[in-house]
Amino acid sequence: MAKKAKGINPDLENAVNSMLLEVKNNPDLSLTDKMKILDRALKLEAIKLKADSDDWGAGLFDNDSEEQ
C-alpha cells in the first residue's frame, strides 16, 4: 500500500489561490463574499503551517496536568 503524501493537496491550494485572485479583481462581489474567500485562504495557510510543524500534535496524549 502506498504511503499517503504529507501536506496540502496542491490542486486544492491552486484552486484557493486562483479563487482568491478572481475575487480580489471582481468589483461586483460584496465585501462579505470577498472575506469568505480570504478566510479560506488564511485557513489553508494555517493548516500548512501546522502540517509542516514536526511537533504539532506530539503532545496529544501527554497528560501532565492530570493527577495520577
C-alpha atoms as a PDB file:
ATOM      1  CA  MET A   1       0.000   0.000   0.000  1.00  0.00           C
ATOM      2  CA  ALA A   2       1.358   3.426  -0.948  1.00  0.00           C
ATOM      3  CA  LYS A   3       2.043   5.878   1.824  1.00  0.00           C
ATOM      4  CA  LYS A   4      -0.149   8.972   1.763  1.00  0.00           C
ATOM      5  CA  ALA A   5       1.748  12.147   0.916  1.00  0.00           C
ATOM      6  CA  LYS A   6       2.123  14.651   3.731  1.00  0.00           C
ATOM      7  CA  GLY A   7       0.958  18.210   3.363  1.00  0.00           C
ATOM      8  CA  ILE A   8      -1.728  20.054   1.460  1.00  0.00           C
ATOM      9  CA  ASN A   9      -3.126  18.773  -1.810  1.00  0.00           C
ATOM     10  CA  PRO A  10      -1.507  21.002  -4.493  1.00  0.00           C
ATOM     11  CA  ASP A  11      -4.734  21.048  -6.534  1.00  0.00           C
ATOM     12  CA  LEU A  12      -6.653  22.394  -3.547  1.00  0.00           C
ATOM     13  CA  GLU A  13      -4.007  25.019  -2.892  1.00  0.00           C
ATOM     14  CA  ASN A  14      -4.021  26.132  -6.539  1.00  0.00           C
ATOM     15  CA  ALA A  15      -7.829  26.309  -6.571  1.00  0.00           C
ATOM     16  CA  VAL A  16      -7.951  28.517  -3.473  1.00  0.00           C
ATOM     17  CA  ASN A  17      -5.197  30.774  -4.827  1.00  0.00           C
ATOM     18  CA  SER A  18      -6.982  31.095  -8.162  1.00  0.00           C
ATOM     19  CA  MET A  19     -10.293  31.833  -6.455  1.00  0.00           C
ATOM     20  CA  LEU A  20      -8.636  34.485  -4.282  1.00  0.00           C
ATOM     21  CA  LEU A  21      -7.196  36.278  -7.319  1.00  0.00           C
ATOM     22  CA  GLU A  22     -10.514  36.210  -9.160  1.00  0.00           C
ATOM     23  CA  VAL A  23     -12.424  37.540  -6.176  1.00  0.00           C
ATOM     24  CA  LYS A  24      -9.940  40.329  -5.474  1.00  0.00           C
ATOM     25  CA  ASN A  25     -10.285  41.618  -9.035  1.00  0.00           C
ATOM     26  CA  ASN A  26     -14.092  41.377  -9.255  1.00  0.00           C
ATOM     27  CA  PRO A  27     -15.721  44.707  -8.307  1.00  0.00           C
ATOM     28  CA  ASP A  28     -19.236  43.226  -8.462  1.00  0.00           C
ATOM     29  CA  LEU A  29     -18.785  40.950  -5.452  1.00  0.00           C
ATOM     30  CA  SER A  30     -19.754  42.069  -1.985  1.00  0.00           C
ATOM     31  CA  LEU A  31     -17.280  42.546   0.824  1.00  0.00           C
ATOM     32  CA  THR A  32     -18.818  39.521   2.571  1.00  0.00           C
ATOM     33  CA  ASP A  33     -18.094  37.279  -0.421  1.00  0.00           C
ATOM     34  CA  LYS A  34     -14.550  38.566  -0.650  1.00  0.00           C
ATOM     35  CA  MET A  35     -13.954  37.975   3.051  1.00  0.00           C
ATOM     36  CA  LYS A  36     -15.243  34.391   2.824  1.00  0.00           C
ATOM     37  CA  ILE A  37     -12.632  33.582   0.175  1.00  0.00           C
ATOM     38  CA  LEU A  38      -9.925  35.415   2.110  1.00  0.00           C
ATOM     39  CA  ASP A  39     -10.871  33.409   5.211  1.00  0.00           C
ATOM     40  CA  ARG A  40     -10.485  30.161   3.259  1.00  0.00           C
ATOM     41  CA  ALA A  41      -7.052  31.213   2.034  1.00  0.00           C
ATOM     42  CA  LEU A  42      -5.946  32.139   5.559  1.00  0.00           C
ATOM     43  CA  LYS A  43      -7.296  28.858   6.938  1.00  0.00           C
ATOM     44  CA  LEU A  44      -5.321  26.965   4.296  1.00  0.00           C
ATOM     45  CA  GLU A  45      -2.151  28.816   5.305  1.00  0.00           C
ATOM     46  CA  ALA A  46      -2.749  27.926   8.963  1.00  0.00           C
ATOM     47  CA  ILE A  47      -3.204  24.265   8.060  1.00  0.00           C
ATOM     48  CA  LYS A  48       0.008  24.347   6.008  1.00  0.00           C
ATOM     49  CA  LEU A  49       1.923  25.748   8.969  1.00  0.00           C
ATOM     50  CA  LYS A  50       0.569  23.032  11.252  1.00  0.00           C
ATOM     51  CA  ALA A  51       1.268  20.284   8.710  1.00  0.00           C
ATOM     52  CA  ASP A  52       4.878  21.436   8.312  1.00  0.00           C
ATOM     53  CA  SER A  53       5.476  21.559  12.070  1.00  0.00           C
ATOM     54  CA  ASP A  54       7.095  18.370  13.374  1.00  0.00           C
ATOM     55  CA  ASP A  55       5.898  18.826  16.937  1.00  0.00           C
ATOM     56  CA  TRP A  56       2.258  19.637  16.084  1.00  0.00           C
ATOM     57  CA  GLY A  57       0.061  17.057  17.777  1.00  0.00           C
ATOM     58  CA  ALA A  58       3.012  15.408  19.507  1.00  0.00           C
ATOM     59  CA  GLY A  59       1.677  16.173  22.991  1.00  0.00           C
ATOM     60  CA  LEU A  60      -1.843  14.996  22.272  1.00  0.00           C
ATOM     61  CA  PHE A  61      -1.735  12.101  24.710  1.00  0.00           C
ATOM     62  CA  ASP A  62       0.555  13.701  27.306  1.00  0.00           C
ATOM     63  CA  ASN A  63      -1.486  14.348  30.418  1.00  0.00           C
ATOM     64  CA  ASP A  64       0.962  16.330  32.534  1.00  0.00           C
ATOM     65  CA  SER A  65      -1.774  18.456  34.080  1.00  0.00           C
ATOM     66  CA  GLU A  66      -3.815  15.424  35.150  1.00  0.00           C
ATOM     67  CA  GLU A  67      -3.261  13.972  38.607  1.00  0.00           C
ATOM     68  CA  GLN A  68      -2.193  10.353  38.591  1.00  0.00           C
END
